[in-house]
Amino acid sequence: MIASVIAAAALASPFSNFQVQEKFSLCSPCVQIGSQGINILLNEILNVGVIGGCGKLCSVLPKGAERTVCDIGCSAVGIKTFINLIKKTDLDPIYFCEEIHACPAGRDDAAASVDANAVSPASGPSGGSGTTFAMEVDFTIINATGVGEIRIGISGGTQDVGQSFVNTGFAPGRYSTNVTLTAQDDPSAQPPVQWSPGTYEYTFEVCQGECGSKHPHSKVFGKTTGSFQIV
């Protein structure tokens, strides 16, 4: 799932060193339609049907870039093909956007290694203002990659947190980026958020396409795992 938080927490990532593919300016807004947007379109197709073509179907999405991309992509491939693609993409927004030509197809020769991870600080409390942990992943791109994501999952105690960050691809080279997590108790939240003392494990995945996808061009380049302590 693109940019989805599984549990209440503050996750942020700058990812300032992504290589932007200007030729495919529709790619980013298309991916932002996300699995939720594809699901909205699918429900409209299954429950209401399509009368009125692309404009009518895409009007169920909120106004903005996502609806515009939907209109453009649908018009480019035709309403019948567009509907078939929605049905077969399994709510995978990256593959969907590749199929409507909003994003370039991932490279079959793409290659990368996931080299290391680090976290700072190594431990901290969750009471008061909490502790902000900065988790870093280092990776090397061997052959240029297409649209993909970096996914992080954190488990331990009573909190499981996960989020995916989409990128438009990387040129060959070494990269380092970080995600920050603020572990702070919030008893007023519903349900209450409590970071129990103990060890929390985090795992980074670097992927072309959506991590875990079985669609063409999707690859998991590697994973790396580390941990921090709530005291």
Protein backbone atom coordinates (compact mmCIF):
# COMPACT_ATOMS: atom_id res chain seq x y z
CA MET A 1 0.00 0.00 0.00
CA ILE A 2 1.40 3.39 -0.96
CA ALA A 3 2.20 5.78 1.86
CA SER A 4 -0.09 4.16 4.37
CA VAL A 5 0.47 4.29 8.12
CA ILE A 6 -0.62 1.08 9.80
CA ALA A 7 -0.62 2.51 13.32
CA ALA A 8 -0.60 5.93 14.92
CA ALA A 9 2.91 7.35 14.82
CA ALA A 10 4.89 10.10 13.15
CA LEU A 11 6.87 8.78 10.19
CA ALA A 12 8.64 11.14 7.84
CA SER A 13 11.21 10.86 5.09
CA PRO A 14 12.89 13.53 2.98
CA PHE A 15 14.14 11.23 0.17
CA SER A 16 15.72 14.34 -1.33
CA ASN A 17 18.08 12.44 -3.64
CA PHE A 18 15.54 10.72 -5.88
CA GLN A 19 16.24 10.89 -9.60
CA VAL A 20 13.28 12.60 -11.26
CA GLN A 21 12.18 11.37 -14.67
CA GLU A 22 10.82 14.60 -16.16
CA LYS A 23 9.70 12.79 -19.32
CA PHE A 24 7.02 11.04 -17.30
CA SER A 25 5.52 14.00 -15.45
CA LEU A 26 2.23 12.13 -14.98
CA CYS A 27 3.89 9.29 -13.08
CA SER A 28 3.94 10.78 -9.60
CA PRO A 29 0.31 12.01 -9.57
CA CYS A 30 -0.80 8.70 -11.08
CA VAL A 31 0.85 6.65 -8.35
CA GLN A 32 -0.74 8.96 -5.78
CA ILE A 33 -4.13 7.62 -6.90
CA GLY A 34 -3.01 4.71 -4.73
CA SER A 35 -4.68 1.41 -4.04
CA GLN A 36 -7.56 3.26 -2.35
CA GLY A 37 -8.27 5.24 -5.51
CA ILE A 38 -8.10 2.12 -7.68
CA ASN A 39 -10.50 0.45 -5.26
CA ILE A 40 -12.92 3.39 -5.59
CA LEU A 41 -12.81 3.04 -9.39
CA LEU A 42 -13.26 -0.73 -9.15
CA ASN A 43 -16.29 -0.38 -6.86
CA GLU A 44 -17.82 2.12 -9.27
CA ILE A 45 -17.34 -0.33 -12.15
CA LEU A 46 -18.75 -3.31 -10.26
CA ASN A 47 -21.61 -1.62 -8.42
CA VAL A 48 -22.73 1.13 -10.77
CA GLY A 49 -21.30 0.31 -14.17
CA VAL A 50 -19.78 2.75 -16.63
CA ILE A 51 -22.19 4.96 -18.53
CA GLY A 52 -20.67 8.09 -19.96
CA GLY A 53 -17.11 6.99 -20.58
CA CYS A 54 -13.85 8.08 -18.99
CA GLY A 55 -15.04 11.40 -17.64
CA LYS A 56 -17.93 9.83 -15.76
CA LEU A 57 -15.80 7.05 -14.29
CA CYS A 58 -12.95 9.33 -13.20
CA SER A 59 -15.36 11.83 -11.63
CA VAL A 60 -15.68 9.53 -8.60
CA LEU A 61 -12.11 10.51 -7.62
CA PRO A 62 -11.49 13.77 -5.74
CA LYS A 63 -10.82 16.79 -7.92
CA GLY A 64 -7.14 17.40 -8.58
CA ALA A 65 -4.15 15.75 -10.18
CA GLU A 66 -5.39 12.20 -9.57
CA ARG A 67 -8.66 12.80 -11.45
CA THR A 68 -6.77 14.53 -14.26
CA VAL A 69 -4.37 11.61 -14.63
CA CYS A 70 -7.30 9.19 -14.56
CA ASP A 71 -8.96 11.10 -17.43
CA ILE A 72 -5.75 11.26 -19.46
CA GLY A 73 -4.81 7.62 -18.90
CA CYS A 74 -8.31 6.36 -19.60
CA SER A 75 -8.58 8.40 -22.79
CA ALA A 76 -5.16 7.19 -23.95
CA VAL A 77 -5.91 3.47 -23.71
CA GLY A 78 -9.69 3.57 -24.15
CA ILE A 79 -12.42 2.93 -21.61
CA LYS A 80 -12.63 -0.85 -22.17
CA THR A 81 -8.88 -1.37 -21.77
CA PHE A 82 -8.84 0.99 -18.79
CA ILE A 83 -11.55 -1.01 -17.03
CA ASN A 84 -9.76 -4.30 -17.73
CA LEU A 85 -6.53 -2.88 -16.30
CA ILE A 86 -8.28 -1.75 -13.12
CA LYS A 87 -9.66 -5.27 -12.69
CA LYS A 88 -6.32 -7.04 -13.19
CA THR A 89 -3.83 -4.86 -11.31
CA ASP A 90 -4.74 -6.20 -7.84
CA LEU A 91 -4.78 -2.68 -6.36
CA ASP A 92 -1.09 -2.23 -7.31
CA PRO A 93 -0.87 1.46 -8.27
CA ILE A 94 2.66 1.32 -9.71
CA TYR A 95 1.84 -1.50 -12.11
CA PHE A 96 -1.47 0.17 -12.99
CA CYS A 97 0.32 3.42 -13.88
CA GLU A 98 2.85 1.54 -15.99
CA GLU A 99 0.05 -0.18 -17.89
CA ILE A 100 -1.71 3.10 -18.76
CA HIS A 101 1.68 4.56 -19.78
CA ALA A 102 1.73 7.24 -17.11
CA CYS A 103 4.92 5.68 -15.69
CA PRO A 104 7.73 3.95 -17.58
CA ALA A 105 7.80 0.18 -17.23
CA GLY A 106 10.43 -1.02 -14.78
CA ARG A 107 13.70 -2.19 -16.28
CA ASP A 108 14.19 -5.94 -16.39
CA ASP A 109 17.95 -5.48 -15.92
CA ALA A 110 17.54 -3.24 -12.85
CA ALA A 111 19.90 -4.26 -10.06
CA ALA A 112 20.72 -2.96 -6.59
CA SER A 113 22.16 -4.07 -3.27
CA VAL A 114 20.96 -3.08 0.19
CA ASP A 115 24.15 -2.47 2.13
CA ALA A 116 23.54 -1.31 5.70
CA ASN A 117 21.27 0.40 8.18
CA ALA A 118 21.72 2.53 11.28
CA VAL A 119 19.54 4.15 13.93
CA SER A 120 20.09 7.15 16.19
CA PRO A 121 19.62 7.27 19.11
CA ALA A 122 19.84 3.59 19.98
CA SER A 123 17.37 4.00 22.87
CA GLY A 124 15.04 6.52 24.47
CA PRO A 125 11.84 6.99 26.49
CA SER A 126 8.31 7.26 25.11
CA GLY A 127 6.97 9.40 27.95
CA GLY A 128 6.77 13.18 27.85
CA SER A 129 7.71 14.44 24.39
CA GLY A 130 8.85 10.96 23.41
CA THR A 131 11.94 10.10 21.39
CA THR A 132 12.51 10.69 17.69
CA PHE A 133 14.48 7.85 16.13
CA ALA A 134 16.24 8.42 12.79
CA MET A 135 16.62 5.15 10.88
CA GLU A 136 18.94 5.18 7.87
CA VAL A 137 19.27 2.77 4.96
CA ASP A 138 22.27 2.64 2.62
CA PHE A 139 21.99 1.03 -0.80
CA THR A 140 23.84 0.85 -4.10
CA ILE A 141 22.18 1.02 -7.52
CA ILE A 142 24.12 -1.15 -9.95
CA ASN A 143 21.82 -0.80 -12.98
CA ALA A 144 19.28 2.06 -13.18
CA THR A 145 15.88 1.30 -11.66
CA GLY A 146 12.34 2.22 -12.61
CA VAL A 147 9.52 3.45 -10.40
CA GLY A 148 9.61 1.71 -7.03
CA GLU A 149 9.33 2.14 -3.32
CA ILE A 150 11.29 1.93 -0.12
CA ARG A 151 9.25 0.28 2.59
CA ILE A 152 9.87 0.28 6.32
CA GLY A 153 8.11 -1.84 8.90
CA ILE A 154 8.54 -1.54 12.67
CA SER A 155 7.37 -4.19 15.12
CA GLY A 156 7.56 -4.72 18.86
CA GLY A 157 5.58 -4.05 22.01
CA THR A 158 2.00 -3.08 21.23
CA GLN A 159 2.75 -0.95 18.17
CA ASP A 160 3.23 -2.10 14.57
CA VAL A 161 4.01 0.72 12.17
CA GLY A 162 4.65 0.59 8.45
CA GLN A 163 4.92 2.96 5.55
CA SER A 164 6.03 2.94 1.93
CA PHE A 165 7.70 5.83 0.12
CA VAL A 166 7.45 5.89 -3.68
CA ASN A 167 10.37 7.00 -5.86
CA THR A 168 10.62 7.57 -9.61
CA GLY A 169 13.80 5.51 -9.95
CA PHE A 170 17.51 5.83 -9.30
CA ALA A 171 20.55 6.25 -11.53
CA PRO A 172 23.58 4.03 -10.74
CA GLY A 173 25.40 5.13 -7.59
CA ARG A 174 25.44 4.95 -3.81
CA TYR A 175 22.51 6.30 -1.84
CA SER A 176 21.60 6.93 1.77
CA THR A 177 18.30 8.15 3.13
CA ASN A 178 16.47 8.11 6.43
CA VAL A 179 13.04 7.82 7.98
CA THR A 180 12.19 9.39 11.33
CA LEU A 181 9.80 7.89 13.85
CA THR A 182 8.56 9.74 16.94
CA ALA A 183 7.69 7.22 19.65
CA GLN A 184 5.44 9.14 22.02
CA ASP A 185 2.69 7.85 24.29
CA ASP A 186 -0.74 9.39 23.69
CA PRO A 187 -3.34 8.07 26.17
CA SER A 188 -5.99 10.44 24.76
CA ALA A 189 -5.90 8.85 21.30
CA GLN A 190 -8.56 6.33 20.27
CA PRO A 191 -7.30 3.71 20.66
CA PRO A 192 -4.62 4.91 23.11
CA VAL A 193 -1.04 4.85 21.80
CA GLN A 194 1.50 3.32 24.15
CA TRP A 195 5.07 2.40 23.34
CA SER A 196 5.88 -0.27 25.90
CA PRO A 197 9.49 -0.62 27.09
CA GLY A 198 11.41 -3.20 25.10
CA THR A 199 13.15 -3.90 21.81
CA TYR A 200 11.61 -2.73 18.54
CA GLU A 201 12.80 -4.15 15.23
CA TYR A 202 12.71 -2.21 11.97
CA THR A 203 13.13 -3.59 8.46
CA PHE A 204 13.83 -1.66 5.26
CA GLU A 205 12.97 -3.10 1.84
CA VAL A 206 14.20 -1.52 -1.41
CA CYS A 207 12.10 -2.47 -4.44
CA GLN A 208 11.34 -1.76 -8.07
CA GLY A 209 7.58 -1.65 -8.36
CA GLU A 210 5.51 -2.32 -5.27
CA CYS A 211 7.33 -4.44 -2.70
CA GLY A 212 5.98 -7.98 -2.83
CA SER A 213 4.13 -7.48 -6.12
CA LYS A 214 3.97 -10.45 -8.51
CA HIS A 215 3.44 -8.25 -11.56
CA PRO A 216 6.05 -7.94 -14.35
CA HIS A 217 9.16 -5.82 -13.68
CA SER A 218 8.64 -5.87 -9.89
CA LYS A 219 11.73 -6.76 -7.86
CA VAL A 220 12.77 -6.81 -4.22
CA PHE A 221 16.43 -5.83 -4.28
CA GLY A 222 17.02 -6.64 -0.64
CA LYS A 223 16.18 -6.08 3.01
CA THR A 224 18.08 -4.92 6.07
CA THR A 225 17.01 -5.09 9.71
CA GLY A 226 18.00 -3.23 12.87
CA SER A 227 16.55 -2.42 16.28
CA PHE A 228 16.14 0.28 18.92
CA GLN A 229 15.09 0.27 22.57
CA ILE A 230 12.22 2.00 24.35
CA VAL A 231 13.24 2.44 27.99
